[in-house]
N, C-alpha and C. Protein backbone atom coordinates (compact mmCIF):
# COMPACT_ATOMS: atom_id res chain seq x y z
N MET A 1 16.54 -5.43 6.50
CA MET A 1 15.34 -4.80 5.97
C MET A 1 14.37 -4.54 7.11
N THR A 2 13.68 -3.44 7.03
CA THR A 2 12.70 -3.05 8.04
C THR A 2 11.28 -3.26 7.49
N THR A 3 10.32 -3.27 8.38
CA THR A 3 8.92 -3.41 7.99
C THR A 3 8.21 -2.08 8.21
N LEU A 4 7.43 -1.67 7.23
CA LEU A 4 6.62 -0.46 7.32
C LEU A 4 5.16 -0.90 7.35
N LYS A 5 4.48 -0.58 8.43
CA LYS A 5 3.04 -0.89 8.53
C LYS A 5 2.26 0.31 8.01
N ILE A 6 1.29 0.05 7.15
CA ILE A 6 0.49 1.11 6.54
C ILE A 6 -0.98 0.84 6.79
N LYS A 7 -1.68 1.88 7.23
CA LYS A 7 -3.13 1.81 7.38
C LYS A 7 -3.74 2.76 6.38
N ARG A 8 -4.58 2.23 5.51
CA ARG A 8 -5.27 3.08 4.53
C ARG A 8 -6.50 3.68 5.18
N LEU A 9 -6.68 4.97 5.00
CA LEU A 9 -7.89 5.65 5.45
C LEU A 9 -8.92 5.53 4.33
N SER A 10 -10.13 5.87 4.60
CA SER A 10 -11.21 5.66 3.63
C SER A 10 -11.04 6.42 2.33
N ASN A 11 -10.22 7.47 2.33
CA ASN A 11 -10.07 8.28 1.11
C ASN A 11 -8.84 7.92 0.29
N ASN A 12 -8.28 6.72 0.50
CA ASN A 12 -7.10 6.33 -0.27
C ASN A 12 -7.33 4.99 -0.93
N ARG A 13 -7.01 4.93 -2.22
CA ARG A 13 -7.14 3.68 -2.98
C ARG A 13 -5.80 3.02 -3.20
N PHE A 14 -4.70 3.71 -2.89
CA PHE A 14 -3.37 3.22 -3.26
C PHE A 14 -2.48 3.00 -2.05
N VAL A 15 -1.65 1.99 -2.15
CA VAL A 15 -0.61 1.73 -1.17
C VAL A 15 0.70 2.15 -1.82
N PRO A 16 1.57 2.84 -1.08
CA PRO A 16 2.87 3.23 -1.68
C PRO A 16 3.60 2.00 -2.21
N GLU A 17 4.29 2.21 -3.32
CA GLU A 17 5.06 1.10 -3.89
C GLU A 17 6.31 1.63 -4.56
N TYR A 18 7.31 0.75 -4.60
CA TYR A 18 8.53 1.05 -5.33
C TYR A 18 8.25 0.76 -6.79
N LYS A 19 8.50 1.71 -7.67
CA LYS A 19 8.18 1.54 -9.09
C LYS A 19 9.20 0.72 -9.85
N THR A 20 10.43 0.65 -9.34
CA THR A 20 11.46 -0.19 -9.96
C THR A 20 12.18 -0.96 -8.86
N GLU A 21 12.88 -2.00 -9.25
CA GLU A 21 13.59 -2.84 -8.29
C GLU A 21 14.65 -2.06 -7.51
N GLY A 22 15.28 -1.09 -8.14
CA GLY A 22 16.34 -0.32 -7.49
C GLY A 22 15.90 1.01 -6.91
N ALA A 23 14.61 1.28 -6.87
CA ALA A 23 14.11 2.56 -6.37
C ALA A 23 14.36 2.72 -4.88
N ALA A 24 14.82 3.90 -4.48
CA ALA A 24 15.03 4.22 -3.07
C ALA A 24 13.73 4.67 -2.41
N GLY A 25 12.88 5.32 -3.20
CA GLY A 25 11.64 5.88 -2.66
C GLY A 25 10.41 5.23 -3.24
N MET A 26 9.34 5.25 -2.45
CA MET A 26 8.05 4.77 -2.92
C MET A 26 7.13 5.97 -3.11
N ASP A 27 6.33 5.93 -4.16
CA ASP A 27 5.47 7.06 -4.49
C ASP A 27 4.27 7.17 -3.55
N LEU A 28 3.92 8.42 -3.25
CA LEU A 28 2.73 8.74 -2.47
C LEU A 28 1.74 9.46 -3.37
N CYS A 29 0.47 9.07 -3.29
CA CYS A 29 -0.57 9.65 -4.15
C CYS A 29 -1.46 10.61 -3.38
N ALA A 30 -2.02 11.56 -4.11
CA ALA A 30 -2.95 12.54 -3.54
C ALA A 30 -4.30 11.87 -3.30
N ALA A 31 -4.70 11.81 -2.04
CA ALA A 31 -6.00 11.23 -1.69
C ALA A 31 -7.01 12.37 -1.59
N ILE A 32 -7.34 12.92 -2.75
CA ILE A 32 -8.29 14.04 -2.83
C ILE A 32 -9.43 13.64 -3.75
N SER A 33 -10.61 14.16 -3.49
CA SER A 33 -11.77 13.82 -4.32
C SER A 33 -11.94 14.80 -5.48
N GLU A 34 -11.40 15.99 -5.34
CA GLU A 34 -11.48 17.02 -6.37
C GLU A 34 -10.08 17.53 -6.67
N PRO A 35 -9.81 17.98 -7.90
CA PRO A 35 -8.50 18.56 -8.21
C PRO A 35 -8.18 19.76 -7.32
N VAL A 36 -6.90 19.96 -7.05
CA VAL A 36 -6.44 21.12 -6.27
C VAL A 36 -5.55 21.94 -7.18
N THR A 37 -5.96 23.18 -7.44
CA THR A 37 -5.20 24.06 -8.33
C THR A 37 -4.33 25.00 -7.51
N LEU A 38 -3.05 25.03 -7.88
CA LEU A 38 -2.08 25.91 -7.22
C LEU A 38 -1.64 27.00 -8.18
N ARG A 39 -1.87 28.24 -7.81
CA ARG A 39 -1.34 29.37 -8.57
C ARG A 39 0.14 29.53 -8.23
N PRO A 40 0.89 30.31 -8.99
CA PRO A 40 2.30 30.53 -8.67
C PRO A 40 2.48 30.96 -7.21
N LEU A 41 3.42 30.33 -6.55
CA LEU A 41 3.79 30.56 -5.15
C LEU A 41 2.72 30.14 -4.13
N GLU A 42 1.65 29.53 -4.59
CA GLU A 42 0.61 29.07 -3.67
C GLU A 42 1.01 27.73 -3.05
N ARG A 43 0.59 27.54 -1.80
CA ARG A 43 0.89 26.32 -1.06
C ARG A 43 -0.41 25.57 -0.75
N ALA A 44 -0.28 24.25 -0.54
CA ALA A 44 -1.42 23.44 -0.13
C ALA A 44 -0.90 22.21 0.62
N LEU A 45 -1.72 21.69 1.50
CA LEU A 45 -1.41 20.47 2.22
C LEU A 45 -2.25 19.35 1.60
N ILE A 46 -1.58 18.43 0.95
CA ILE A 46 -2.26 17.37 0.20
C ILE A 46 -2.27 16.09 1.03
N PRO A 47 -3.45 15.57 1.37
CA PRO A 47 -3.52 14.33 2.15
C PRO A 47 -3.16 13.12 1.29
N THR A 48 -2.62 12.09 1.94
CA THR A 48 -2.32 10.83 1.24
C THR A 48 -3.32 9.73 1.59
N GLY A 49 -4.12 9.95 2.63
CA GLY A 49 -5.05 8.92 3.05
C GLY A 49 -4.36 7.75 3.72
N LEU A 50 -3.15 7.97 4.25
CA LEU A 50 -2.37 6.90 4.87
C LEU A 50 -1.90 7.31 6.26
N THR A 51 -1.84 6.34 7.14
CA THR A 51 -1.09 6.47 8.39
C THR A 51 -0.07 5.35 8.39
N ILE A 52 1.05 5.58 9.06
CA ILE A 52 2.12 4.58 9.02
C ILE A 52 2.63 4.29 10.43
N GLU A 53 3.25 3.12 10.56
CA GLU A 53 3.95 2.75 11.78
C GLU A 53 5.34 2.26 11.39
N LEU A 54 6.33 3.00 11.85
CA LEU A 54 7.73 2.68 11.59
C LEU A 54 8.30 1.86 12.73
N GLU A 55 9.27 1.03 12.43
CA GLU A 55 9.99 0.32 13.47
C GLU A 55 10.87 1.30 14.24
N HIS A 56 11.20 0.94 15.49
CA HIS A 56 12.06 1.78 16.31
C HIS A 56 13.40 2.01 15.60
N GLY A 57 13.85 3.26 15.61
CA GLY A 57 15.14 3.58 15.00
C GLY A 57 15.05 3.97 13.53
N TYR A 58 13.83 4.18 13.02
CA TYR A 58 13.65 4.55 11.62
C TYR A 58 12.80 5.81 11.50
N GLU A 59 12.97 6.51 10.39
CA GLU A 59 12.14 7.65 10.04
C GLU A 59 11.66 7.47 8.61
N ALA A 60 10.62 8.19 8.25
CA ALA A 60 10.19 8.28 6.86
C ALA A 60 10.54 9.68 6.38
N GLN A 61 11.25 9.77 5.27
CA GLN A 61 11.58 11.06 4.66
C GLN A 61 10.64 11.28 3.49
N ILE A 62 9.97 12.42 3.47
CA ILE A 62 9.08 12.76 2.37
C ILE A 62 9.82 13.75 1.48
N ARG A 63 9.97 13.39 0.22
CA ARG A 63 10.76 14.19 -0.73
C ARG A 63 9.93 14.52 -1.97
N PRO A 64 10.33 15.59 -2.67
CA PRO A 64 9.64 15.93 -3.92
C PRO A 64 9.88 14.85 -4.98
N ARG A 65 8.99 14.78 -5.94
CA ARG A 65 9.22 13.95 -7.12
C ARG A 65 9.97 14.81 -8.12
N SER A 66 11.07 14.31 -8.65
CA SER A 66 11.93 15.12 -9.52
C SER A 66 11.20 15.57 -10.78
N GLY A 67 10.35 14.72 -11.35
CA GLY A 67 9.62 15.09 -12.57
C GLY A 67 8.69 16.27 -12.33
N LEU A 68 7.94 16.26 -11.23
CA LEU A 68 7.05 17.39 -10.91
C LEU A 68 7.86 18.66 -10.65
N SER A 69 9.02 18.50 -10.03
CA SER A 69 9.84 19.67 -9.71
C SER A 69 10.39 20.34 -10.96
N ILE A 70 11.02 19.56 -11.83
CA ILE A 70 11.67 20.17 -12.99
C ILE A 70 10.68 20.56 -14.08
N LYS A 71 9.65 19.77 -14.29
CA LYS A 71 8.69 20.06 -15.36
C LYS A 71 7.65 21.11 -14.98
N HIS A 72 7.27 21.15 -13.68
CA HIS A 72 6.15 22.02 -13.29
C HIS A 72 6.44 22.93 -12.11
N GLY A 73 7.62 22.83 -11.49
CA GLY A 73 7.95 23.68 -10.35
C GLY A 73 7.21 23.30 -9.07
N ILE A 74 6.69 22.08 -9.00
CA ILE A 74 5.97 21.63 -7.81
C ILE A 74 6.96 20.91 -6.90
N THR A 75 7.12 21.42 -5.70
CA THR A 75 8.07 20.84 -4.75
C THR A 75 7.46 20.90 -3.36
N LEU A 76 8.23 20.53 -2.36
CA LEU A 76 7.75 20.56 -0.99
C LEU A 76 8.19 21.84 -0.30
N ILE A 77 7.32 22.39 0.51
CA ILE A 77 7.62 23.63 1.23
C ILE A 77 8.85 23.44 2.11
N ASN A 78 8.93 22.30 2.79
CA ASN A 78 10.03 22.06 3.71
C ASN A 78 11.14 21.22 3.09
N CYS A 79 11.17 21.11 1.79
CA CYS A 79 12.17 20.39 1.01
C CYS A 79 12.17 18.90 1.30
N VAL A 80 12.58 18.50 2.48
CA VAL A 80 12.47 17.10 2.90
C VAL A 80 11.75 17.10 4.24
N GLY A 81 10.65 16.39 4.30
CA GLY A 81 9.90 16.28 5.55
C GLY A 81 10.29 15.02 6.28
N THR A 82 10.28 15.08 7.59
CA THR A 82 10.58 13.91 8.41
C THR A 82 9.34 13.47 9.15
N ILE A 83 9.06 12.17 9.07
CA ILE A 83 8.00 11.59 9.89
C ILE A 83 8.69 10.73 10.94
N ASP A 84 8.51 11.10 12.19
CA ASP A 84 9.13 10.38 13.29
C ASP A 84 8.43 9.06 13.54
N GLU A 85 9.14 8.12 14.16
CA GLU A 85 8.61 6.78 14.38
C GLU A 85 7.37 6.77 15.28
N ASP A 86 7.18 7.81 16.11
CA ASP A 86 6.04 7.81 17.02
C ASP A 86 4.83 8.58 16.49
N TYR A 87 4.90 9.11 15.27
CA TYR A 87 3.76 9.83 14.68
C TYR A 87 2.76 8.84 14.11
N ARG A 88 1.47 9.03 14.43
CA ARG A 88 0.43 8.13 13.94
C ARG A 88 -0.69 8.85 13.19
N GLY A 89 -0.49 10.13 12.89
CA GLY A 89 -1.50 10.87 12.14
C GLY A 89 -1.36 10.61 10.64
N GLU A 90 -2.25 11.22 9.88
CA GLU A 90 -2.23 11.06 8.43
C GLU A 90 -0.97 11.69 7.84
N VAL A 91 -0.37 11.00 6.90
CA VAL A 91 0.76 11.55 6.16
C VAL A 91 0.20 12.54 5.15
N CYS A 92 0.62 13.80 5.25
CA CYS A 92 0.19 14.84 4.32
C CYS A 92 1.41 15.46 3.67
N ILE A 93 1.23 15.98 2.46
CA ILE A 93 2.33 16.50 1.66
C ILE A 93 2.18 18.02 1.53
N PRO A 94 3.11 18.81 2.11
CA PRO A 94 3.05 20.27 1.99
C PRO A 94 3.71 20.73 0.68
N VAL A 95 2.91 20.98 -0.34
CA VAL A 95 3.44 21.33 -1.65
C VAL A 95 3.39 22.83 -1.89
N VAL A 96 4.25 23.28 -2.80
CA VAL A 96 4.28 24.67 -3.22
C VAL A 96 4.54 24.70 -4.72
N ASN A 97 3.93 25.66 -5.39
CA ASN A 97 4.13 25.86 -6.83
C ASN A 97 5.15 26.98 -7.01
N LEU A 98 6.38 26.63 -7.39
CA LEU A 98 7.43 27.63 -7.59
C LEU A 98 7.53 28.09 -9.03
N SER A 99 6.61 27.67 -9.87
CA SER A 99 6.65 28.09 -11.28
C SER A 99 5.86 29.38 -11.47
N ASN A 100 5.86 29.85 -12.70
CA ASN A 100 5.08 31.04 -13.06
C ASN A 100 3.72 30.67 -13.63
N GLU A 101 3.40 29.38 -13.64
CA GLU A 101 2.15 28.90 -14.22
C GLU A 101 1.33 28.14 -13.19
N THR A 102 0.03 28.17 -13.38
CA THR A 102 -0.88 27.41 -12.53
C THR A 102 -0.68 25.91 -12.77
N TYR A 103 -0.79 25.13 -11.71
CA TYR A 103 -0.69 23.67 -11.83
C TYR A 103 -1.83 23.05 -11.04
N THR A 104 -2.45 22.03 -11.60
CA THR A 104 -3.55 21.35 -10.93
C THR A 104 -3.15 19.93 -10.57
N ILE A 105 -3.24 19.63 -9.29
CA ILE A 105 -3.00 18.27 -8.80
C ILE A 105 -4.30 17.50 -8.92
N GLN A 106 -4.22 16.36 -9.58
CA GLN A 106 -5.39 15.53 -9.83
C GLN A 106 -5.56 14.47 -8.72
N PRO A 107 -6.79 14.02 -8.46
CA PRO A 107 -6.98 12.92 -7.53
C PRO A 107 -6.12 11.72 -7.95
N ASP A 108 -5.51 11.09 -6.98
CA ASP A 108 -4.67 9.89 -7.16
C ASP A 108 -3.33 10.17 -7.84
N GLU A 109 -3.02 11.43 -8.13
CA GLU A 109 -1.73 11.76 -8.76
C GLU A 109 -0.60 11.49 -7.77
N ARG A 110 0.51 10.98 -8.29
CA ARG A 110 1.71 10.78 -7.47
C ARG A 110 2.33 12.15 -7.19
N VAL A 111 2.38 12.54 -5.91
CA VAL A 111 2.80 13.89 -5.56
C VAL A 111 4.12 13.98 -4.81
N ALA A 112 4.59 12.87 -4.25
CA ALA A 112 5.84 12.88 -3.48
C ALA A 112 6.36 11.46 -3.41
N GLN A 113 7.52 11.33 -2.81
CA GLN A 113 8.06 9.99 -2.58
C GLN A 113 8.49 9.88 -1.12
N MET A 114 8.46 8.66 -0.63
CA MET A 114 8.80 8.40 0.77
C MET A 114 9.97 7.43 0.82
N ILE A 115 10.99 7.82 1.59
CA ILE A 115 12.18 7.00 1.79
C ILE A 115 12.23 6.61 3.26
N ILE A 116 12.48 5.36 3.55
CA ILE A 116 12.61 4.89 4.93
C ILE A 116 14.11 4.85 5.25
N ALA A 117 14.50 5.50 6.35
CA ALA A 117 15.92 5.61 6.69
C ALA A 117 16.16 5.33 8.17
N LYS A 118 17.30 4.73 8.43
CA LYS A 118 17.72 4.47 9.81
C LYS A 118 18.14 5.78 10.46
N VAL A 119 17.81 5.91 11.74
CA VAL A 119 18.12 7.13 12.49
C VAL A 119 18.84 6.75 13.78
N GLU A 120 19.82 7.56 14.13
CA GLU A 120 20.47 7.42 15.43
C GLU A 120 20.31 8.72 16.19
N GLN A 121 20.02 8.62 17.47
CA GLN A 121 19.98 9.80 18.31
C GLN A 121 21.36 10.00 18.92
N ALA A 122 21.78 11.24 19.01
CA ALA A 122 23.11 11.57 19.53
C ALA A 122 23.07 11.79 21.04
N ASP A 123 24.16 11.43 21.69
CA ASP A 123 24.36 11.82 23.08
C ASP A 123 24.86 13.26 23.04
N ILE A 124 24.21 14.15 23.77
CA ILE A 124 24.57 15.57 23.76
C ILE A 124 25.62 15.83 24.84
N GLU A 125 26.72 16.48 24.44
CA GLU A 125 27.78 16.84 25.37
C GLU A 125 28.08 18.32 25.17
N VAL A 126 27.87 19.10 26.20
CA VAL A 126 28.19 20.52 26.16
C VAL A 126 29.66 20.68 26.54
N VAL A 127 30.42 21.39 25.68
CA VAL A 127 31.85 21.58 25.91
C VAL A 127 32.21 23.06 25.84
N ALA A 128 33.36 23.40 26.37
CA ALA A 128 33.82 24.79 26.35
C ALA A 128 34.44 25.15 25.00
N GLU A 129 35.06 24.18 24.33
CA GLU A 129 35.72 24.42 23.05
C GLU A 129 35.46 23.25 22.11
N LEU A 130 35.49 23.54 20.80
CA LEU A 130 35.39 22.52 19.77
C LEU A 130 36.75 22.32 19.11
N THR A 131 36.99 21.18 18.52
CA THR A 131 38.23 20.90 17.82
C THR A 131 38.36 21.83 16.61
N ALA A 132 39.52 22.46 16.44
CA ALA A 132 39.76 23.37 15.32
C ALA A 132 39.89 22.58 14.01
N THR A 133 39.45 23.21 12.90
CA THR A 133 39.61 22.63 11.56
C THR A 133 40.16 23.69 10.63
N GLY A 134 40.58 23.29 9.44
CA GLY A 134 41.08 24.23 8.44
C GLY A 134 39.99 25.19 7.99
N ARG A 135 38.80 24.76 7.92
CA ARG A 135 37.69 25.58 7.46
C ARG A 135 37.23 26.53 8.56
N GLY A 136 37.23 26.07 9.78
CA GLY A 136 36.78 26.91 10.88
C GLY A 136 35.32 27.30 10.75
N ALA A 137 35.02 28.57 10.89
CA ALA A 137 33.65 29.05 10.84
C ALA A 137 33.24 29.50 9.43
N GLY A 138 34.05 29.20 8.43
CA GLY A 138 33.71 29.59 7.05
C GLY A 138 32.37 29.00 6.64
N GLY A 139 31.46 29.85 6.24
CA GLY A 139 30.09 29.43 5.92
C GLY A 139 29.84 29.28 4.44
N PHE A 140 28.66 29.68 4.01
CA PHE A 140 28.22 29.53 2.63
C PHE A 140 29.22 30.13 1.65
N GLY A 141 29.68 29.34 0.71
CA GLY A 141 30.60 29.80 -0.31
C GLY A 141 32.04 29.90 0.12
N SER A 142 32.35 29.52 1.34
CA SER A 142 33.72 29.69 1.84
C SER A 142 34.71 28.73 1.21
N THR A 143 34.23 27.65 0.57
CA THR A 143 35.16 26.70 -0.05
C THR A 143 35.30 26.94 -1.55
N GLY A 144 34.71 28.02 -2.04
CA GLY A 144 34.80 28.36 -3.46
C GLY A 144 33.66 27.80 -4.28
N LYS A 145 33.76 27.99 -5.61
CA LYS A 145 32.72 27.51 -6.50
C LYS A 145 32.86 26.04 -6.74
């Protein structure tokens, strides 16, 4: 198990928490003083009022909340965001409204989830050829439906 250090900024009342014993992600809340309304296809950067310190070899993945995504079309612009272990700025959530209806994010609303994951850096080796496979360069849809 790893340790996640969290510093609350003055505009945050909540510390991320796992809502169930088996939860992979902890919820992040909107640290906003006024509601933020998103029209269809509109984007916004929602602050969490948190800064974090990860142990060496770990990242924080910021992911959409499935309920907001399916019920309201609210997701993350970058789908899954990565927070590197050396970042010390405020954790912010880049949201987008993909629905046809306006949605309002309320102060303290749970807007995303954060997963802590182990990371390995690769040794880079430049080569003249790669090992051949059955798939080869077949891209999107090349393996069928």
